[in-house]
Amino acid sequence: MSRTSLSLAAIVLAAVPAFAQNNASRSNSAILTTTNIWAGVYTDEQAAQGRKFYAAGCSECHGDQLEGDPGQGFPGLANSSFMVEWDGQSMADLVQHIHTAPNDKPGDIDQVTAVVLAAFILNRNGVPSGKVPLSTDAKEEAKILFTQSKPR
């Protein structure tokens, strides 16, 4: 194979992960995203439920205002850094992370609770609610792209 052909092949292969990341969930690369978080993917009721769970189990580490404590390894959950961190991933990725997040008891948060916590976090980041609840089905969550800012 010529040097030019090898260089071209390397460029194409390097571009594939970026394309895949923007068009499919990291947790299930076979599912293409069909909407984004700004389309009203959770309900106000879910966010209200999430607020209760957050106050009872998450605020101790992540702060009452979701400000976090980076010095102790607890990231803020309602700030531009959080939005940048999750940009390009799917809601399935976020829900799975919440489900497995507690370092003292990984997996201690059930799927339904992880979904309402995700709704609360979206709400606190200024993402609007909608009329249809965020699904607890990971395949449905994988169709929702997390984007840092609202598309124009």
N, C-alpha and C. Protein backbone atom coordinates (compact mmCIF):
# COMPACT_ATOMS: atom_id res chain seq x y z
N MET A 1 0.85 -1.17 0.00
CA MET A 1 0.00 0.00 0.00
C MET A 1 0.89 1.23 0.00
N SER A 2 0.52 2.24 -0.77
CA SER A 2 1.34 3.44 -0.85
C SER A 2 1.23 4.26 0.42
N ARG A 3 2.20 5.15 0.60
CA ARG A 3 2.21 6.02 1.77
C ARG A 3 0.97 6.91 1.78
N THR A 4 0.54 7.39 0.61
CA THR A 4 -0.65 8.24 0.50
C THR A 4 -1.90 7.46 0.91
N SER A 5 -2.00 6.21 0.46
CA SER A 5 -3.15 5.38 0.81
C SER A 5 -3.20 5.12 2.32
N LEU A 6 -2.05 4.86 2.90
CA LEU A 6 -1.99 4.64 4.35
C LEU A 6 -2.40 5.90 5.11
N SER A 7 -1.94 7.05 4.66
CA SER A 7 -2.28 8.32 5.32
C SER A 7 -3.78 8.57 5.22
N LEU A 8 -4.35 8.34 4.05
CA LEU A 8 -5.78 8.54 3.86
C LEU A 8 -6.57 7.58 4.74
N ALA A 9 -6.15 6.33 4.82
CA ALA A 9 -6.83 5.35 5.66
C ALA A 9 -6.77 5.77 7.13
N ALA A 10 -5.65 6.29 7.57
CA ALA A 10 -5.50 6.74 8.96
C ALA A 10 -6.43 7.91 9.26
N ILE A 11 -6.56 8.83 8.32
CA ILE A 11 -7.44 9.98 8.52
C ILE A 11 -8.89 9.52 8.62
N VAL A 12 -9.31 8.62 7.74
CA VAL A 12 -10.68 8.11 7.77
C VAL A 12 -10.95 7.39 9.09
N LEU A 13 -10.03 6.52 9.51
CA LEU A 13 -10.23 5.80 10.77
C LEU A 13 -10.26 6.74 11.97
N ALA A 14 -9.48 7.79 11.93
CA ALA A 14 -9.49 8.75 13.04
C ALA A 14 -10.80 9.50 13.11
N ALA A 15 -11.46 9.71 11.98
CA ALA A 15 -12.72 10.45 11.96
C ALA A 15 -13.91 9.61 12.40
N VAL A 16 -13.84 8.29 12.28
CA VAL A 16 -14.96 7.43 12.58
C VAL A 16 -15.45 7.57 14.02
N PRO A 17 -14.59 7.56 15.06
CA PRO A 17 -15.11 7.69 16.43
C PRO A 17 -15.86 8.99 16.66
N ALA A 18 -15.39 10.10 16.12
CA ALA A 18 -16.08 11.37 16.30
C ALA A 18 -17.45 11.33 15.65
N PHE A 19 -17.54 10.75 14.45
CA PHE A 19 -18.82 10.63 13.77
C PHE A 19 -19.77 9.76 14.57
N ALA A 20 -19.28 8.63 15.03
CA ALA A 20 -20.12 7.70 15.80
C ALA A 20 -20.58 8.33 17.10
N GLN A 21 -19.71 9.08 17.76
CA GLN A 21 -20.07 9.70 19.04
C GLN A 21 -21.19 10.70 18.84
N ASN A 22 -21.17 11.45 17.76
CA ASN A 22 -22.19 12.45 17.52
C ASN A 22 -23.48 11.86 17.00
N ASN A 23 -23.49 10.62 16.58
CA ASN A 23 -24.67 10.04 15.98
C ASN A 23 -25.21 8.82 16.71
N ALA A 24 -24.59 8.41 17.78
CA ALA A 24 -25.08 7.25 18.52
C ALA A 24 -24.59 7.33 19.95
N SER A 25 -25.33 6.67 20.82
CA SER A 25 -24.97 6.63 22.23
C SER A 25 -23.68 5.85 22.43
N ARG A 26 -22.88 6.27 23.39
CA ARG A 26 -21.68 5.51 23.74
C ARG A 26 -22.07 4.18 24.38
N SER A 27 -23.21 4.15 25.05
CA SER A 27 -23.61 2.93 25.73
C SER A 27 -24.24 1.92 24.79
N ASN A 28 -24.74 2.34 23.66
CA ASN A 28 -25.34 1.43 22.69
C ASN A 28 -25.17 2.03 21.31
N SER A 29 -24.02 1.77 20.70
CA SER A 29 -23.66 2.42 19.45
C SER A 29 -24.57 2.05 18.29
N ALA A 30 -25.45 1.07 18.44
CA ALA A 30 -26.34 0.70 17.36
C ALA A 30 -27.60 1.58 17.33
N ILE A 31 -27.81 2.41 18.34
CA ILE A 31 -29.01 3.24 18.41
C ILE A 31 -28.65 4.68 18.06
N LEU A 32 -29.29 5.18 17.02
CA LEU A 32 -29.04 6.56 16.62
C LEU A 32 -29.91 7.51 17.44
N THR A 33 -29.35 8.66 17.75
CA THR A 33 -30.13 9.66 18.46
C THR A 33 -31.16 10.27 17.51
N THR A 34 -32.35 10.54 18.04
CA THR A 34 -33.42 11.10 17.22
C THR A 34 -33.91 12.44 17.73
N THR A 35 -33.48 12.82 18.92
CA THR A 35 -33.86 14.11 19.49
C THR A 35 -32.76 14.55 20.45
N ASN A 36 -32.97 15.67 21.10
CA ASN A 36 -31.98 16.13 22.08
C ASN A 36 -32.69 16.57 23.34
N ILE A 37 -31.92 16.86 24.37
CA ILE A 37 -32.48 17.18 25.69
C ILE A 37 -33.34 18.43 25.68
N TRP A 38 -33.14 19.31 24.69
CA TRP A 38 -33.85 20.59 24.64
C TRP A 38 -35.26 20.45 24.09
N ALA A 39 -35.67 19.24 23.73
CA ALA A 39 -36.98 19.01 23.14
C ALA A 39 -38.05 18.67 24.17
N GLY A 40 -37.76 18.88 25.45
CA GLY A 40 -38.74 18.58 26.50
C GLY A 40 -38.87 17.10 26.74
N VAL A 41 -37.80 16.46 27.20
CA VAL A 41 -37.74 15.00 27.30
C VAL A 41 -38.07 14.45 28.70
N TYR A 42 -38.46 15.31 29.61
CA TYR A 42 -38.85 14.88 30.95
C TYR A 42 -40.03 15.73 31.39
N THR A 43 -40.70 15.34 32.46
CA THR A 43 -41.83 16.12 32.96
C THR A 43 -41.47 16.86 34.25
N ASP A 44 -42.27 17.87 34.56
CA ASP A 44 -42.09 18.60 35.82
C ASP A 44 -42.26 17.65 37.02
N GLU A 45 -43.17 16.69 36.89
CA GLU A 45 -43.38 15.73 37.98
C GLU A 45 -42.13 14.90 38.23
N GLN A 46 -41.46 14.49 37.16
CA GLN A 46 -40.22 13.73 37.34
C GLN A 46 -39.16 14.57 38.03
N ALA A 47 -39.04 15.83 37.62
CA ALA A 47 -38.05 16.71 38.24
C ALA A 47 -38.36 16.92 39.72
N ALA A 48 -39.64 17.05 40.07
CA ALA A 48 -40.03 17.22 41.47
C ALA A 48 -39.69 15.97 42.28
N GLN A 49 -39.94 14.79 41.71
CA GLN A 49 -39.56 13.55 42.39
C GLN A 49 -38.05 13.48 42.56
N GLY A 50 -37.33 13.85 41.50
CA GLY A 50 -35.87 13.84 41.55
C GLY A 50 -35.32 14.77 42.62
N ARG A 51 -35.98 15.93 42.79
CA ARG A 51 -35.54 16.88 43.82
C ARG A 51 -35.59 16.24 45.19
N LYS A 52 -36.63 15.47 45.47
CA LYS A 52 -36.76 14.80 46.78
C LYS A 52 -35.65 13.76 46.98
N PHE A 53 -35.42 12.94 45.96
CA PHE A 53 -34.36 11.94 46.08
C PHE A 53 -32.99 12.60 46.21
N TYR A 54 -32.79 13.68 45.45
CA TYR A 54 -31.50 14.38 45.51
C TYR A 54 -31.25 14.90 46.92
N ALA A 55 -32.25 15.57 47.50
CA ALA A 55 -32.10 16.13 48.85
C ALA A 55 -31.79 15.03 49.87
N ALA A 56 -32.40 13.87 49.69
CA ALA A 56 -32.22 12.78 50.65
C ALA A 56 -30.91 12.02 50.48
N GLY A 57 -30.38 11.95 49.25
CA GLY A 57 -29.24 11.08 49.06
C GLY A 57 -28.04 11.62 48.32
N CYS A 58 -28.18 12.73 47.64
CA CYS A 58 -27.09 13.22 46.79
C CYS A 58 -26.48 14.54 47.27
N SER A 59 -27.30 15.34 47.95
CA SER A 59 -26.86 16.69 48.33
C SER A 59 -25.70 16.68 49.31
N GLU A 60 -25.56 15.64 50.08
CA GLU A 60 -24.46 15.57 51.04
C GLU A 60 -23.10 15.72 50.34
N CYS A 61 -22.98 15.12 49.17
CA CYS A 61 -21.72 15.20 48.43
C CYS A 61 -21.73 16.27 47.34
N HIS A 62 -22.85 16.39 46.63
CA HIS A 62 -22.91 17.30 45.49
C HIS A 62 -23.45 18.68 45.85
N GLY A 63 -23.81 18.91 47.12
CA GLY A 63 -24.25 20.22 47.59
C GLY A 63 -25.73 20.47 47.41
N ASP A 64 -26.28 21.31 48.27
CA ASP A 64 -27.70 21.62 48.24
C ASP A 64 -28.12 22.27 46.92
N GLN A 65 -27.22 23.05 46.34
CA GLN A 65 -27.52 23.76 45.09
C GLN A 65 -26.88 23.08 43.87
N LEU A 66 -26.48 21.81 44.03
CA LEU A 66 -25.82 21.03 42.98
C LEU A 66 -24.47 21.63 42.58
N GLU A 67 -23.87 22.37 43.52
CA GLU A 67 -22.61 23.06 43.24
C GLU A 67 -21.39 22.14 43.29
N GLY A 68 -21.55 20.99 43.95
CA GLY A 68 -20.46 20.04 44.05
C GLY A 68 -19.39 20.47 45.04
N ASP A 69 -18.38 19.63 45.15
CA ASP A 69 -17.20 19.92 45.97
C ASP A 69 -16.01 19.31 45.23
N PRO A 70 -15.53 19.99 44.18
CA PRO A 70 -14.46 19.43 43.36
C PRO A 70 -13.21 19.04 44.15
N GLY A 71 -12.92 19.75 45.22
CA GLY A 71 -11.77 19.42 46.05
C GLY A 71 -11.88 18.03 46.67
N GLN A 72 -13.11 17.59 46.88
CA GLN A 72 -13.35 16.26 47.44
C GLN A 72 -13.71 15.24 46.36
N GLY A 73 -13.69 15.68 45.11
CA GLY A 73 -13.99 14.77 44.00
C GLY A 73 -15.46 14.68 43.62
N PHE A 74 -16.26 15.63 44.09
CA PHE A 74 -17.69 15.63 43.78
C PHE A 74 -17.99 16.78 42.83
N PRO A 75 -18.23 16.47 41.56
CA PRO A 75 -18.46 17.53 40.58
C PRO A 75 -19.80 18.24 40.79
N GLY A 76 -19.85 19.48 40.37
CA GLY A 76 -21.09 20.22 40.34
C GLY A 76 -21.99 19.62 39.27
N LEU A 77 -23.29 19.65 39.53
CA LEU A 77 -24.24 19.05 38.60
C LEU A 77 -25.13 20.09 37.91
N ALA A 78 -24.96 21.35 38.28
CA ALA A 78 -25.76 22.41 37.66
C ALA A 78 -24.85 23.59 37.34
N ASN A 79 -24.07 23.42 36.29
CA ASN A 79 -23.17 24.49 35.86
C ASN A 79 -22.70 24.21 34.44
N SER A 80 -22.02 25.17 33.87
CA SER A 80 -21.57 25.02 32.49
C SER A 80 -20.58 23.86 32.34
N SER A 81 -19.77 23.60 33.34
CA SER A 81 -18.83 22.48 33.26
C SER A 81 -19.56 21.15 33.13
N PHE A 82 -20.65 21.01 33.85
CA PHE A 82 -21.45 19.79 33.76
C PHE A 82 -21.99 19.63 32.35
N MET A 83 -22.53 20.72 31.80
CA MET A 83 -23.10 20.66 30.45
C MET A 83 -22.04 20.32 29.41
N VAL A 84 -20.85 20.88 29.57
CA VAL A 84 -19.75 20.58 28.64
C VAL A 84 -19.34 19.13 28.77
N GLU A 85 -19.25 18.63 29.99
CA GLU A 85 -18.83 17.25 30.25
C GLU A 85 -19.74 16.24 29.55
N TRP A 86 -21.03 16.49 29.55
CA TRP A 86 -21.99 15.53 29.00
C TRP A 86 -22.34 15.79 27.54
N ASP A 87 -21.89 16.91 26.99
CA ASP A 87 -22.17 17.24 25.60
C ASP A 87 -21.75 16.10 24.67
N GLY A 88 -22.65 15.68 23.78
CA GLY A 88 -22.35 14.64 22.82
C GLY A 88 -22.66 13.23 23.30
N GLN A 89 -23.01 13.07 24.55
CA GLN A 89 -23.38 11.75 25.06
C GLN A 89 -24.90 11.62 25.02
N SER A 90 -25.41 10.49 25.42
CA SER A 90 -26.85 10.29 25.40
C SER A 90 -27.42 10.34 26.81
N MET A 91 -28.73 10.46 26.88
CA MET A 91 -29.38 10.41 28.19
C MET A 91 -29.19 9.03 28.82
N ALA A 92 -29.08 7.99 28.00
CA ALA A 92 -28.81 6.66 28.55
C ALA A 92 -27.48 6.64 29.28
N ASP A 93 -26.50 7.35 28.72
CA ASP A 93 -25.19 7.44 29.38
C ASP A 93 -25.30 8.13 30.73
N LEU A 94 -26.04 9.24 30.77
CA LEU A 94 -26.20 9.97 32.03
C LEU A 94 -26.96 9.14 33.06
N VAL A 95 -28.06 8.54 32.65
CA VAL A 95 -28.86 7.74 33.58
C VAL A 95 -28.03 6.56 34.10
N GLN A 96 -27.28 5.91 33.23
CA GLN A 96 -26.43 4.79 33.66
C GLN A 96 -25.37 5.28 34.65
N HIS A 97 -24.80 6.45 34.39
CA HIS A 97 -23.79 7.00 35.31
C HIS A 97 -24.41 7.25 36.69
N ILE A 98 -25.60 7.82 36.70
CA ILE A 98 -26.28 8.08 37.97
C ILE A 98 -26.57 6.76 38.68
N HIS A 99 -27.01 5.77 37.93
CA HIS A 99 -27.35 4.46 38.47
C HIS A 99 -26.14 3.81 39.16
N THR A 100 -24.95 4.05 38.62
CA THR A 100 -23.74 3.42 39.16
C THR A 100 -22.84 4.38 39.93
N ALA A 101 -23.28 5.62 40.11
CA ALA A 101 -22.42 6.68 40.64
C ALA A 101 -21.98 6.54 42.10
N PRO A 102 -22.85 6.23 43.03
CA PRO A 102 -22.39 6.30 44.42
C PRO A 102 -21.16 5.41 44.64
N ASN A 103 -20.07 6.03 44.99
CA ASN A 103 -18.83 5.28 45.17
C ASN A 103 -18.88 4.32 46.33
N ASP A 104 -19.68 4.64 47.34
CA ASP A 104 -19.75 3.75 48.49
C ASP A 104 -20.63 2.54 48.23
N LYS A 105 -21.60 2.65 47.32
CA LYS A 105 -22.49 1.54 46.98
C LYS A 105 -22.86 1.61 45.50
N PRO A 106 -21.93 1.29 44.58
CA PRO A 106 -22.26 1.37 43.15
C PRO A 106 -23.50 0.54 42.81
N GLY A 107 -24.39 1.11 42.01
CA GLY A 107 -25.61 0.42 41.62
C GLY A 107 -26.71 0.53 42.64
N ASP A 108 -26.49 1.29 43.71
CA ASP A 108 -27.46 1.42 44.78
C ASP A 108 -28.69 2.22 44.35
N ILE A 109 -28.56 3.02 43.31
CA ILE A 109 -29.67 3.83 42.82
C ILE A 109 -30.38 3.04 41.72
N ASP A 110 -31.67 2.74 41.92
CA ASP A 110 -32.41 1.97 40.92
C ASP A 110 -32.67 2.81 39.67
N GLN A 111 -33.09 2.15 38.61
CA GLN A 111 -33.26 2.80 37.31
C GLN A 111 -34.30 3.92 37.35
N VAL A 112 -35.42 3.71 38.00
CA VAL A 112 -36.48 4.73 38.07
C VAL A 112 -35.96 5.96 38.81
N THR A 113 -35.28 5.75 39.92
CA THR A 113 -34.72 6.87 40.68
C THR A 113 -33.66 7.59 39.87
N ALA A 114 -32.83 6.86 39.14
CA ALA A 114 -31.81 7.49 38.29
C ALA A 114 -32.45 8.37 37.23
N VAL A 115 -33.58 7.94 36.69
CA VAL A 115 -34.28 8.74 35.66
C VAL A 115 -34.82 10.04 36.26
N VAL A 116 -35.44 9.97 37.43
CA VAL A 116 -35.99 11.21 38.01
C VAL A 116 -34.87 12.13 38.49
N LEU A 117 -33.76 11.57 38.92
CA LEU A 117 -32.60 12.40 39.27
C LEU A 117 -32.06 13.10 38.02
N ALA A 118 -32.01 12.39 36.91
CA ALA A 118 -31.57 13.00 35.64
C ALA A 118 -32.52 14.14 35.25
N ALA A 119 -33.82 13.93 35.44
CA ALA A 119 -34.80 14.98 35.13
C ALA A 119 -34.55 16.21 36.01
N PHE A 120 -34.31 15.99 37.29
CA PHE A 120 -34.03 17.10 38.20
C PHE A 120 -32.77 17.86 37.79
N ILE A 121 -31.74 17.12 37.42
CA ILE A 121 -30.48 17.74 36.99
C ILE A 121 -30.70 18.56 35.72
N LEU A 122 -31.44 18.01 34.76
CA LEU A 122 -31.75 18.77 33.54
C LEU A 122 -32.48 20.06 33.90
N ASN A 123 -33.47 19.93 34.78
CA ASN A 123 -34.26 21.09 35.22
C ASN A 123 -33.38 22.16 35.82
N ARG A 124 -32.45 21.78 36.69
CA ARG A 124 -31.58 22.74 37.36
C ARG A 124 -30.55 23.35 36.41
N ASN A 125 -30.38 22.75 35.24
CA ASN A 125 -29.47 23.30 34.23
C ASN A 125 -30.23 24.11 33.17
N GLY A 126 -31.50 24.39 33.44
CA GLY A 126 -32.28 25.22 32.54
C GLY A 126 -32.83 24.53 31.31
N VAL A 127 -32.80 23.20 31.30
CA VAL A 127 -33.35 22.45 30.18
C VAL A 127 -34.86 22.34 30.41
N PRO A 128 -35.68 22.76 29.44
CA PRO A 128 -37.12 22.77 29.65
C PRO A 128 -37.74 21.38 29.75
N SER A 129 -38.82 21.30 30.52
CA SER A 129 -39.57 20.05 30.64
C SER A 129 -40.53 19.93 29.45
N GLY A 130 -41.20 18.79 29.39
CA GLY A 130 -42.18 18.55 28.33
C GLY A 130 -43.37 17.82 28.90
N LYS A 131 -44.13 17.22 28.03
CA LYS A 131 -45.35 16.53 28.45
C LYS A 131 -45.19 15.03 28.56
N VAL A 132 -44.12 14.49 27.97
CA VAL A 132 -43.89 13.05 27.98
C VAL A 132 -42.75 12.75 28.95
N PRO A 133 -42.95 11.81 29.86
CA PRO A 133 -41.90 11.48 30.83
C PRO A 133 -40.66 10.87 30.15
N LEU A 134 -39.52 11.10 30.77
CA LEU A 134 -38.30 10.44 30.35
C LEU A 134 -38.46 8.95 30.63
N SER A 135 -38.20 8.14 29.63
CA SER A 135 -38.39 6.70 29.73
C SER A 135 -37.34 6.07 30.65
N THR A 136 -37.72 4.96 31.24
CA THR A 136 -36.77 4.17 32.02
C THR A 136 -36.13 3.09 31.16
N ASP A 137 -36.48 3.05 29.88
CA ASP A 137 -35.92 2.10 28.93
C ASP A 137 -34.64 2.68 28.34
N ALA A 138 -33.52 2.02 28.57
CA ALA A 138 -32.22 2.53 28.11
C ALA A 138 -32.17 2.72 26.60
N LYS A 139 -32.87 1.90 25.84
CA LYS A 139 -32.88 2.06 24.38
C LYS A 139 -33.58 3.36 23.98
N GLU A 140 -34.63 3.72 24.70
CA GLU A 140 -35.32 4.99 24.43
C GLU A 140 -34.45 6.17 24.89
N GLU A 141 -33.81 6.03 26.03
CA GLU A 141 -32.92 7.08 26.54
C GLU A 141 -31.76 7.32 25.59
N ALA A 142 -31.28 6.25 24.96
CA ALA A 142 -30.14 6.35 24.04
C ALA A 142 -30.47 7.17 22.80
N LYS A 143 -31.74 7.35 22.51
CA LYS A 143 -32.16 8.14 21.34
C LYS A 143 -32.09 9.65 21.62
N ILE A 144 -31.83 10.01 22.86
CA ILE A 144 -31.83 11.43 23.26
C ILE A 144 -30.39 11.90 23.42
N LEU A 145 -29.99 12.82 22.60
CA LEU A 145 -28.63 13.36 22.63
C LEU A 145 -28.53 14.48 23.66
N PHE A 146 -27.53 14.39 24.49
CA PHE A 146 -27.25 15.45 25.47
C PHE A 146 -26.42 16.50 24.73
N THR A 147 -26.93 17.70 24.61
CA THR A 147 -26.19 18.78 23.96
C THR A 147 -26.01 19.93 24.95
N GLN A 148 -24.85 20.50 24.92
CA GLN A 148 -24.49 21.56 25.87
C GLN A 148 -25.43 22.75 25.78
N SER A 149 -25.76 23.15 24.59
CA SER A 149 -26.63 24.31 24.43
C SER A 149 -27.76 24.00 23.47
N LYS A 150 -28.81 24.80 23.61
CA LYS A 150 -30.01 24.61 22.81
C LYS A 150 -29.70 24.85 21.33
N PRO A 151 -30.09 23.91 20.48
CA PRO A 151 -29.86 24.10 19.03
C PRO A 151 -30.67 25.30 18.54
N ARG A 152 -30.14 25.95 17.54
CA ARG A 152 -30.85 27.12 16.99
C ARG A 152 -31.89 26.72 15.99
